[in-house]
Amino acid sequence: CYWYDLQTIDGAGSPLRQKTYLQFNLRVEKSLTKSLKLFAQDEFEQALSNLDIDQYKVNTIGAGLSCEF
């Protein structure tokens, strides 16, 4: 959470600016061999704010193959 001591939403007398980040990660792995893994992951992030321009949501999904030597 962020509380801005000096920044207001819309000039003098308006509420102070606030912002909170939420983030969730999920990763699943499956071993194919001793050194080879298949994975899938999902990441969700959201910014909550009392200033409309500061708010957003994003979801990122990925998958791949990893190899360890």
C-alpha atoms as a PDB file:
ATOM      1  CA  CYS A   1       0.000   0.000   0.000  1.00  0.00           C
ATOM      2  CA  TYR A   2       1.155   3.484  -0.754  1.00  0.00           C
ATOM      3  CA  TRP A   3      -0.071   6.628   0.991  1.00  0.00           C
ATOM      4  CA  TYR A   4       1.204   9.822  -0.554  1.00  0.00           C
ATOM      5  CA  ASP A   5       1.754  12.450   2.158  1.00  0.00           C
ATOM      6  CA  LEU A   6       1.715  15.436  -0.178  1.00  0.00           C
ATOM      7  CA  GLN A   7      -0.117  14.349  -3.337  1.00  0.00           C
ATOM      8  CA  THR A   8      -3.845  14.925  -3.489  1.00  0.00           C
ATOM      9  CA  ILE A   9      -6.344  13.605  -6.016  1.00  0.00           C
ATOM     10  CA  ASP A  10      -7.447  16.952  -7.409  1.00  0.00           C
ATOM     11  CA  GLY A  11      -5.760  19.961  -5.846  1.00  0.00           C
ATOM     12  CA  ALA A  12      -5.915  21.515  -2.388  1.00  0.00           C
ATOM     13  CA  GLY A  13      -8.606  20.191  -0.066  1.00  0.00           C
ATOM     14  CA  SER A  14      -9.171  16.922  -1.958  1.00  0.00           C
ATOM     15  CA  PRO A  15      -8.326  13.527  -0.398  1.00  0.00           C
ATOM     16  CA  LEU A  16      -4.716  12.334  -0.329  1.00  0.00           C
ATOM     17  CA  ARG A  17      -3.708   9.902  -3.060  1.00  0.00           C
ATOM     18  CA  GLN A  18      -3.646   6.178  -2.123  1.00  0.00           C
ATOM     19  CA  LYS A  19      -2.665   3.084  -4.101  1.00  0.00           C
ATOM     20  CA  THR A  20      -2.664  -0.658  -3.331  1.00  0.00           C
ATOM     21  CA  TYR A  21      -1.193  -3.473  -5.440  1.00  0.00           C
ATOM     22  CA  LEU A  22      -2.533  -7.026  -5.484  1.00  0.00           C
ATOM     23  CA  GLN A  23      -0.509  -9.777  -7.117  1.00  0.00           C
ATOM     24  CA  PHE A  24      -1.174 -13.510  -7.438  1.00  0.00           C
ATOM     25  CA  ASN A  25       1.087 -16.124  -9.028  1.00  0.00           C
ATOM     26  CA  LEU A  26       0.395 -19.729  -9.913  1.00  0.00           C
ATOM     27  CA  ARG A  27       2.937 -22.119 -11.423  1.00  0.00           C
ATOM     28  CA  VAL A  28       2.505 -25.807 -12.233  1.00  0.00           C
ATOM     29  CA  GLU A  29       5.390 -28.075 -13.230  1.00  0.00           C
ATOM     30  CA  LYS A  30       5.501 -31.613 -14.562  1.00  0.00           C
ATOM     31  CA  SER A  31       8.786 -33.550 -14.697  1.00  0.00           C
ATOM     32  CA  LEU A  32       9.239 -35.310 -18.025  1.00  0.00           C
ATOM     33  CA  THR A  33      12.709 -36.643 -17.216  1.00  0.00           C
ATOM     34  CA  LYS A  34      15.242 -36.009 -14.443  1.00  0.00           C
ATOM     35  CA  SER A  35      16.406 -32.758 -16.059  1.00  0.00           C
ATOM     36  CA  LEU A  36      13.455 -31.774 -18.283  1.00  0.00           C
ATOM     37  CA  LYS A  37      10.288 -30.088 -16.992  1.00  0.00           C
ATOM     38  CA  LEU A  38       7.139 -28.770 -18.613  1.00  0.00           C
ATOM     39  CA  PHE A  39       5.534 -25.766 -16.891  1.00  0.00           C
ATOM     40  CA  ALA A  40       2.567 -23.415 -17.077  1.00  0.00           C
ATOM     41  CA  GLN A  41       2.157 -20.203 -15.103  1.00  0.00           C
ATOM     42  CA  ASP A  42      -0.377 -17.467 -14.551  1.00  0.00           C
ATOM     43  CA  GLU A  43       0.192 -14.066 -12.958  1.00  0.00           C
ATOM     44  CA  PHE A  44      -2.557 -11.590 -12.083  1.00  0.00           C
ATOM     45  CA  GLU A  45      -1.869  -8.039 -10.940  1.00  0.00           C
ATOM     46  CA  GLN A  46      -4.283  -5.270 -10.018  1.00  0.00           C
ATOM     47  CA  ALA A  47      -3.713  -1.721  -8.835  1.00  0.00           C
ATOM     48  CA  LEU A  48      -6.455  -0.179  -6.707  1.00  0.00           C
ATOM     49  CA  SER A  49      -6.407   3.573  -6.233  1.00  0.00           C
ATOM     50  CA  ASN A  50      -8.601   6.489  -5.349  1.00  0.00           C
ATOM     51  CA  LEU A  51      -7.286   8.132  -8.554  1.00  0.00           C
ATOM     52  CA  ASP A  52      -8.912   6.613 -11.673  1.00  0.00           C
ATOM     53  CA  ILE A  53      -5.823   6.923 -13.902  1.00  0.00           C
ATOM     54  CA  ASP A  54      -3.786   4.800 -11.429  1.00  0.00           C
ATOM     55  CA  GLN A  55      -6.098   1.755 -11.608  1.00  0.00           C
ATOM     56  CA  TYR A  56      -5.415  -1.245 -13.832  1.00  0.00           C
ATOM     57  CA  LYS A  57      -5.684  -5.047 -14.134  1.00  0.00           C
ATOM     58  CA  VAL A  58      -3.354  -7.338 -16.044  1.00  0.00           C
ATOM     59  CA  ASN A  59      -3.214 -11.111 -16.454  1.00  0.00           C
ATOM     60  CA  THR A  60      -0.160 -12.844 -17.935  1.00  0.00           C
ATOM     61  CA  ILE A  61      -0.162 -16.513 -18.921  1.00  0.00           C
ATOM     62  CA  GLY A  62       2.922 -18.445 -20.003  1.00  0.00           C
ATOM     63  CA  ALA A  63       4.096 -21.984 -20.655  1.00  0.00           C
ATOM     64  CA  GLY A  64       7.354 -23.603 -21.552  1.00  0.00           C
ATOM     65  CA  LEU A  65       9.961 -26.260 -21.204  1.00  0.00           C
ATOM     66  CA  SER A  66      12.898 -26.012 -18.791  1.00  0.00           C
ATOM     67  CA  CYS A  67      16.095 -28.015 -18.804  1.00  0.00           C
ATOM     68  CA  GLU A  68      18.586 -28.209 -15.926  1.00  0.00           C
ATOM     69  CA  PHE A  69      22.157 -29.413 -16.413  1.00  0.00           C
END
